[in-house]
C-alpha cells in the first residue's frame, strides 16, 4: 500500500533501476 500511494503521488509512468548491483559475478563467488 505504501508503494501504491507513493507511486500515485509521484505520478510515474515507469520506474528504472539496475537489475543487480554487479555484472555477471565470478564462478564460486
ModelCIF file with pLDDT and N, C-alpha, C, O atoms, coordinates in Angstrom:
data_MODEL
#
_entry.id   MODEL 
#
_entity.id                         1 
_entity.type                       polymer 
_entity.pdbx_number_of_molecules   1 
#
_entity_poly.entity_id                      1 
_entity_poly.type                           'polypeptide(L)' 
_entity_poly.nstd_linkage                   no 
_entity_poly.nstd_monomer                   no 
_entity_poly.pdbx_seq_one_letter_code       
;(UNK)(UNK)(UNK)(UNK)(UNK)(UNK)(UNK)(UNK)(UNK)(UNK)(UNK)(UNK)(UNK)(UNK)(UNK)(UNK)
(UNK)(UNK)(UNK)(UNK)(UNK)(UNK)(UNK)(UNK)(UNK)(UNK)(UNK)(UNK)(UNK)
;
_entity_poly.pdbx_seq_one_letter_code_can   XXXXXXXXXXXXXXXXXXXXXXXXXXXXX 
_entity_poly.pdbx_strand_id                 A 
#
loop_
_entity_poly_seq.entity_id 
_entity_poly_seq.num 
_entity_poly_seq.mon_id 
_entity_poly_seq.hetero 
1 1  UNK n 
1 2  UNK n 
1 3  UNK n 
1 4  UNK n 
1 5  UNK n 
1 6  UNK n 
1 7  UNK n 
1 8  UNK n 
1 9  UNK n 
1 10 UNK n 
1 11 UNK n 
1 12 UNK n 
1 13 UNK n 
1 14 UNK n 
1 15 UNK n 
1 16 UNK n 
1 17 UNK n 
1 18 UNK n 
1 19 UNK n 
1 20 UNK n 
1 21 UNK n 
1 22 UNK n 
1 23 UNK n 
1 24 UNK n 
1 25 UNK n 
1 26 UNK n 
1 27 UNK n 
1 28 UNK n 
1 29 UNK n 
#
_struct_asym.id          A 
_struct_asym.entity_id   1 
#
loop_
_ma_qa_metric.id 
_ma_qa_metric.mode 
_ma_qa_metric.name 
_ma_qa_metric.software_group_id 
_ma_qa_metric.type 
1 global pLDDT . pLDDT 
2 local  pLDDT . pLDDT 
#
_ma_qa_metric_global.metric_id      1 
_ma_qa_metric_global.metric_value   97.66 
_ma_qa_metric_global.model_id       1 
_ma_qa_metric_global.ordinal_id     1 
#
loop_
_ma_qa_metric_local.label_asym_id 
_ma_qa_metric_local.label_comp_id 
_ma_qa_metric_local.label_seq_id 
_ma_qa_metric_local.metric_id 
_ma_qa_metric_local.metric_value 
_ma_qa_metric_local.model_id 
_ma_qa_metric_local.ordinal_id 
A UNK 1  2 98.00 1 1  
A UNK 2  2 98.00 1 2  
A UNK 3  2 98.00 1 3  
A UNK 4  2 98.00 1 4  
A UNK 5  2 98.00 1 5  
A UNK 6  2 98.00 1 6  
A UNK 7  2 98.00 1 7  
A UNK 8  2 97.00 1 8  
A UNK 9  2 98.00 1 9  
A UNK 10 2 98.00 1 10 
A UNK 11 2 98.00 1 11 
A UNK 12 2 98.00 1 12 
A UNK 13 2 98.00 1 13 
A UNK 14 2 98.00 1 14 
A UNK 15 2 98.00 1 15 
A UNK 16 2 98.00 1 16 
A UNK 17 2 98.00 1 17 
A UNK 18 2 98.00 1 18 
A UNK 19 2 98.00 1 19 
A UNK 20 2 98.00 1 20 
A UNK 21 2 98.00 1 21 
A UNK 22 2 98.00 1 22 
A UNK 23 2 98.00 1 23 
A UNK 24 2 98.00 1 24 
A UNK 25 2 98.00 1 25 
A UNK 26 2 98.00 1 26 
A UNK 27 2 96.00 1 27 
A UNK 28 2 94.00 1 28 
A UNK 29 2 95.00 1 29 
#
loop_
_atom_site.group_PDB 
_atom_site.id 
_atom_site.type_symbol 
_atom_site.label_atom_id 
_atom_site.label_alt_id 
_atom_site.label_comp_id 
_atom_site.label_asym_id 
_atom_site.label_entity_id 
_atom_site.label_seq_id 
_atom_site.pdbx_PDB_ins_code 
_atom_site.Cartn_x 
_atom_site.Cartn_y 
_atom_site.Cartn_z 
_atom_site.occupancy 
_atom_site.B_iso_or_equiv 
_atom_site.pdbx_formal_charge 
_atom_site.auth_seq_id 
_atom_site.auth_comp_id 
_atom_site.auth_asym_id 
_atom_site.auth_atom_id 
_atom_site.pdbx_PDB_model_num 
ATOM 1   N N  . UNK A 1 1  ? 0.835  -1.209  0.000   1.00 98.00 ? 1  UNK A N  1 
ATOM 2   C CA . UNK A 1 1  ? 0.000  0.000   0.000   1.00 98.00 ? 1  UNK A CA 1 
ATOM 3   C C  . UNK A 1 1  ? 0.868  1.258   0.000   1.00 98.00 ? 1  UNK A C  1 
ATOM 4   O O  . UNK A 1 1  ? 0.530  2.247   -0.649  1.00 98.00 ? 1  UNK A O  1 
ATOM 5   N N  . UNK A 1 2  ? 1.991  1.221   0.730   1.00 98.00 ? 2  UNK A N  1 
ATOM 6   C CA . UNK A 1 2  ? 2.907  2.371   0.737   1.00 98.00 ? 2  UNK A CA 1 
ATOM 7   C C  . UNK A 1 2  ? 3.431  2.646   -0.663  1.00 98.00 ? 2  UNK A C  1 
ATOM 8   O O  . UNK A 1 2  ? 3.464  3.796   -1.101  1.00 98.00 ? 2  UNK A O  1 
ATOM 9   N N  . UNK A 1 3  ? 3.840  1.602   -1.362  1.00 98.00 ? 3  UNK A N  1 
ATOM 10  C CA . UNK A 1 3  ? 4.331  1.766   -2.724  1.00 98.00 ? 3  UNK A CA 1 
ATOM 11  C C  . UNK A 1 3  ? 3.234  2.313   -3.625  1.00 98.00 ? 3  UNK A C  1 
ATOM 12  O O  . UNK A 1 3  ? 3.475  3.224   -4.417  1.00 98.00 ? 3  UNK A O  1 
ATOM 13  N N  . UNK A 1 4  ? 2.034  1.763   -3.507  1.00 98.00 ? 4  UNK A N  1 
ATOM 14  C CA . UNK A 1 4  ? 0.917  2.208   -4.336  1.00 98.00 ? 4  UNK A CA 1 
ATOM 15  C C  . UNK A 1 4  ? 0.659  3.701   -4.143  1.00 98.00 ? 4  UNK A C  1 
ATOM 16  O O  . UNK A 1 4  ? 0.515  4.447   -5.112  1.00 98.00 ? 4  UNK A O  1 
ATOM 17  N N  . UNK A 1 5  ? 0.604  4.121   -2.896  1.00 98.00 ? 5  UNK A N  1 
ATOM 18  C CA . UNK A 1 5  ? 0.320  5.522   -2.595  1.00 98.00 ? 5  UNK A CA 1 
ATOM 19  C C  . UNK A 1 5  ? 1.453  6.435   -3.054  1.00 98.00 ? 5  UNK A C  1 
ATOM 20  O O  . UNK A 1 5  ? 1.212  7.521   -3.581  1.00 98.00 ? 5  UNK A O  1 
ATOM 21  N N  . UNK A 1 6  ? 2.688  5.985   -2.851  1.00 98.00 ? 6  UNK A N  1 
ATOM 22  C CA . UNK A 1 6  ? 3.843  6.797   -3.246  1.00 98.00 ? 6  UNK A CA 1 
ATOM 23  C C  . UNK A 1 6  ? 3.911  6.941   -4.760  1.00 98.00 ? 6  UNK A C  1 
ATOM 24  O O  . UNK A 1 6  ? 4.175  8.026   -5.278  1.00 98.00 ? 6  UNK A O  1 
ATOM 25  N N  . UNK A 1 7  ? 3.671  5.845   -5.460  1.00 98.00 ? 7  UNK A N  1 
ATOM 26  C CA . UNK A 1 7  ? 3.677  5.877   -6.931  1.00 98.00 ? 7  UNK A CA 1 
ATOM 27  C C  . UNK A 1 7  ? 2.593  6.827   -7.433  1.00 98.00 ? 7  UNK A C  1 
ATOM 28  O O  . UNK A 1 7  ? 2.833  7.636   -8.329  1.00 98.00 ? 7  UNK A O  1 
ATOM 29  N N  . UNK A 1 8  ? 1.404  6.722   -6.854  1.00 97.00 ? 8  UNK A N  1 
ATOM 30  C CA . UNK A 1 8  ? 0.310  7.617   -7.251  1.00 97.00 ? 8  UNK A CA 1 
ATOM 31  C C  . UNK A 1 8  ? 0.683  9.079   -7.029  1.00 97.00 ? 8  UNK A C  1 
ATOM 32  O O  . UNK A 1 8  ? 0.446  9.932   -7.885  1.00 97.00 ? 8  UNK A O  1 
ATOM 33  N N  . UNK A 1 9  ? 1.265  9.350   -5.879  1.00 98.00 ? 9  UNK A N  1 
ATOM 34  C CA . UNK A 1 9  ? 1.619  10.729  -5.540  1.00 98.00 ? 9  UNK A CA 1 
ATOM 35  C C  . UNK A 1 9  ? 2.653  11.298  -6.505  1.00 98.00 ? 9  UNK A C  1 
ATOM 36  O O  . UNK A 1 9  ? 2.617  12.481  -6.845  1.00 98.00 ? 9  UNK A O  1 
ATOM 37  N N  . UNK A 1 10 ? 3.576  10.442  -6.942  1.00 98.00 ? 10 UNK A N  1 
ATOM 38  C CA . UNK A 1 10 ? 4.635  10.901  -7.854  1.00 98.00 ? 10 UNK A CA 1 
ATOM 39  C C  . UNK A 1 10 ? 4.165  10.954  -9.306  1.00 98.00 ? 10 UNK A C  1 
ATOM 40  O O  . UNK A 1 10 ? 4.737  11.682  -10.117 1.00 98.00 ? 10 UNK A O  1 
ATOM 41  N N  . UNK A 1 11 ? 3.134  10.191  -9.635  1.00 98.00 ? 11 UNK A N  1 
ATOM 42  C CA . UNK A 1 11 ? 2.607  10.201  -10.997 1.00 98.00 ? 11 UNK A CA 1 
ATOM 43  C C  . UNK A 1 11 ? 3.530  9.582   -12.025 1.00 98.00 ? 11 UNK A C  1 
ATOM 44  O O  . UNK A 1 11 ? 3.586  10.038  -13.168 1.00 98.00 ? 11 UNK A O  1 
ATOM 45  N N  . UNK A 1 12 ? 4.263  8.536   -11.625 1.00 98.00 ? 12 UNK A N  1 
ATOM 46  C CA . UNK A 1 12 ? 5.198  7.899   -12.544 1.00 98.00 ? 12 UNK A CA 1 
ATOM 47  C C  . UNK A 1 12 ? 4.474  7.067   -13.593 1.00 98.00 ? 12 UNK A C  1 
ATOM 48  O O  . UNK A 1 12 ? 3.409  6.502   -13.344 1.00 98.00 ? 12 UNK A O  1 
ATOM 49  N N  . UNK A 1 13 ? 5.086  7.006   -14.780 1.00 98.00 ? 13 UNK A N  1 
ATOM 50  C CA . UNK A 1 13 ? 4.692  6.020   -15.779 1.00 98.00 ? 13 UNK A CA 1 
ATOM 51  C C  . UNK A 1 13 ? 5.509  4.742   -15.608 1.00 98.00 ? 13 UNK A C  1 
ATOM 52  O O  . UNK A 1 13 ? 4.994  3.636   -15.769 1.00 98.00 ? 13 UNK A O  1 
ATOM 53  N N  . UNK A 1 14 ? 6.796  4.912   -15.277 1.00 98.00 ? 14 UNK A N  1 
ATOM 54  C CA . UNK A 1 14 ? 7.700  3.777   -15.092 1.00 98.00 ? 14 UNK A CA 1 
ATOM 55  C C  . UNK A 1 14 ? 8.703  4.093   -13.990 1.00 98.00 ? 14 UNK A C  1 
ATOM 56  O O  . UNK A 1 14 ? 8.922  5.249   -13.630 1.00 98.00 ? 14 UNK A O  1 
ATOM 57  N N  . UNK A 1 15 ? 9.303  3.028   -13.468 1.00 98.00 ? 15 UNK A N  1 
ATOM 58  C CA . UNK A 1 15 ? 10.485 3.148   -12.627 1.00 98.00 ? 15 UNK A CA 1 
ATOM 59  C C  . UNK A 1 15 ? 11.656 2.491   -13.341 1.00 98.00 ? 15 UNK A C  1 
ATOM 60  O O  . UNK A 1 15 ? 11.477 1.550   -14.114 1.00 98.00 ? 15 UNK A O  1 
ATOM 61  N N  . UNK A 1 16 ? 12.843 2.989   -13.078 1.00 98.00 ? 16 UNK A N  1 
ATOM 62  C CA . UNK A 1 16 ? 14.073 2.431   -13.622 1.00 98.00 ? 16 UNK A CA 1 
ATOM 63  C C  . UNK A 1 16 ? 15.019 2.087   -12.483 1.00 98.00 ? 16 UNK A C  1 
ATOM 64  O O  . UNK A 1 16 ? 15.163 2.860   -11.536 1.00 98.00 ? 16 UNK A O  1 
ATOM 65  N N  . UNK A 1 17 ? 15.660 0.938   -12.570 1.00 98.00 ? 17 UNK A N  1 
ATOM 66  C CA . UNK A 1 17 ? 16.702 0.554   -11.615 1.00 98.00 ? 17 UNK A CA 1 
ATOM 67  C C  . UNK A 1 17 ? 17.733 -0.296  -12.350 1.00 98.00 ? 17 UNK A C  1 
ATOM 68  O O  . UNK A 1 17 ? 17.524 -0.701  -13.494 1.00 98.00 ? 17 UNK A O  1 
ATOM 69  N N  . UNK A 1 18 ? 18.840 -0.557  -11.677 1.00 98.00 ? 18 UNK A N  1 
ATOM 70  C CA . UNK A 1 18 ? 19.725 -1.623  -12.153 1.00 98.00 ? 18 UNK A CA 1 
ATOM 71  C C  . UNK A 1 18 ? 19.039 -2.949  -11.825 1.00 98.00 ? 18 UNK A C  1 
ATOM 72  O O  . UNK A 1 18 ? 18.285 -3.014  -10.854 1.00 98.00 ? 18 UNK A O  1 
ATOM 73  N N  . UNK A 1 19 ? 19.274 -4.000  -12.597 1.00 98.00 ? 19 UNK A N  1 
ATOM 74  C CA . UNK A 1 19 ? 18.746 -5.309  -12.215 1.00 98.00 ? 19 UNK A CA 1 
ATOM 75  C C  . UNK A 1 19 ? 19.521 -5.904  -11.046 1.00 98.00 ? 19 UNK A C  1 
ATOM 76  O O  . UNK A 1 19 ? 18.965 -6.622  -10.214 1.00 98.00 ? 19 UNK A O  1 
ATOM 77  N N  . UNK A 1 20 ? 20.787 -5.599  -10.999 1.00 98.00 ? 20 UNK A N  1 
ATOM 78  C CA . UNK A 1 20 ? 21.703 -6.128  -9.982  1.00 98.00 ? 20 UNK A CA 1 
ATOM 79  C C  . UNK A 1 20 ? 22.814 -5.111  -9.834  1.00 98.00 ? 20 UNK A C  1 
ATOM 80  O O  . UNK A 1 20 ? 23.124 -4.381  -10.775 1.00 98.00 ? 20 UNK A O  1 
ATOM 81  N N  . UNK A 1 21 ? 23.412 -5.060  -8.663  1.00 98.00 ? 21 UNK A N  1 
ATOM 82  C CA . UNK A 1 21 ? 24.476 -4.086  -8.433  1.00 98.00 ? 21 UNK A CA 1 
ATOM 83  C C  . UNK A 1 21 ? 25.731 -4.391  -9.237  1.00 98.00 ? 21 UNK A C  1 
ATOM 84  O O  . UNK A 1 21 ? 26.550 -3.501  -9.466  1.00 98.00 ? 21 UNK A O  1 
ATOM 85  N N  . UNK A 1 22 ? 25.892 -5.641  -9.670  1.00 98.00 ? 22 UNK A N  1 
ATOM 86  C CA . UNK A 1 22 ? 27.101 -6.074  -10.367 1.00 98.00 ? 22 UNK A CA 1 
ATOM 87  C C  . UNK A 1 22 ? 26.766 -6.640  -11.735 1.00 98.00 ? 22 UNK A C  1 
ATOM 88  O O  . UNK A 1 22 ? 25.628 -7.045  -11.971 1.00 98.00 ? 22 UNK A O  1 
ATOM 89  N N  . UNK A 1 23 ? 27.744 -6.677  -12.648 1.00 98.00 ? 23 UNK A N  1 
ATOM 90  C CA . UNK A 1 23 ? 27.602 -7.520  -13.840 1.00 98.00 ? 23 UNK A CA 1 
ATOM 91  C C  . UNK A 1 23 ? 27.676 -8.984  -13.396 1.00 98.00 ? 23 UNK A C  1 
ATOM 92  O O  . UNK A 1 23 ? 27.670 -9.273  -12.200 1.00 98.00 ? 23 UNK A O  1 
ATOM 93  N N  . UNK A 1 24 ? 27.746 -9.893  -14.347 1.00 98.00 ? 24 UNK A N  1 
ATOM 94  C CA . UNK A 1 24 ? 27.897 -11.312 -14.012 1.00 98.00 ? 24 UNK A CA 1 
ATOM 95  C C  . UNK A 1 24 ? 29.046 -11.494 -13.027 1.00 98.00 ? 24 UNK A C  1 
ATOM 96  O O  . UNK A 1 24 ? 30.115 -10.904 -13.189 1.00 98.00 ? 24 UNK A O  1 
ATOM 97  N N  . UNK A 1 25 ? 28.820 -12.308 -12.016 1.00 98.00 ? 25 UNK A N  1 
ATOM 98  C CA . UNK A 1 25 ? 29.816 -12.481 -10.960 1.00 98.00 ? 25 UNK A CA 1 
ATOM 99  C C  . UNK A 1 25 ? 30.725 -13.674 -11.272 1.00 98.00 ? 25 UNK A C  1 
ATOM 100 O O  . UNK A 1 25 ? 30.332 -14.576 -12.012 1.00 98.00 ? 25 UNK A O  1 
ATOM 101 N N  . UNK A 1 26 ? 31.933 -13.681 -10.713 1.00 98.00 ? 26 UNK A N  1 
ATOM 102 C CA . UNK A 1 26 ? 32.835 -14.817 -10.961 1.00 98.00 ? 26 UNK A CA 1 
ATOM 103 C C  . UNK A 1 26 ? 32.256 -16.114 -10.404 1.00 98.00 ? 26 UNK A C  1 
ATOM 104 O O  . UNK A 1 26 ? 31.588 -16.117 -9.371  1.00 98.00 ? 26 UNK A O  1 
ATOM 105 N N  . UNK A 1 27 ? 32.518 -17.196 -11.093 1.00 96.00 ? 27 UNK A N  1 
ATOM 106 C CA . UNK A 1 27 ? 32.092 -18.505 -10.592 1.00 96.00 ? 27 UNK A CA 1 
ATOM 107 C C  . UNK A 1 27 ? 32.702 -18.743 -9.210  1.00 96.00 ? 27 UNK A C  1 
ATOM 108 O O  . UNK A 1 27 ? 33.885 -18.484 -8.988  1.00 96.00 ? 27 UNK A O  1 
ATOM 109 N N  . UNK A 1 28 ? 31.884 -19.234 -8.295  1.00 94.00 ? 28 UNK A N  1 
ATOM 110 C CA . UNK A 1 28 ? 32.355 -19.522 -6.947  1.00 94.00 ? 28 UNK A CA 1 
ATOM 111 C C  . UNK A 1 28 ? 32.316 -18.357 -5.983  1.00 94.00 ? 28 UNK A C  1 
ATOM 112 O O  . UNK A 1 28 ? 32.796 -18.466 -4.854  1.00 94.00 ? 28 UNK A O  1 
ATOM 113 N N  . UNK A 1 29 ? 31.744 -17.233 -6.420  1.00 95.00 ? 29 UNK A N  1 
ATOM 114 C CA . UNK A 1 29 ? 31.744 -16.040 -5.558  1.00 95.00 ? 29 UNK A CA 1 
ATOM 115 C C  . UNK A 1 29 ? 30.380 -15.736 -4.945  1.00 95.00 ? 29 UNK A C  1 
ATOM 116 O O  . UNK A 1 29 ? 30.239 -14.765 -4.202  1.00 95.00 ? 29 UNK A O  1 
#
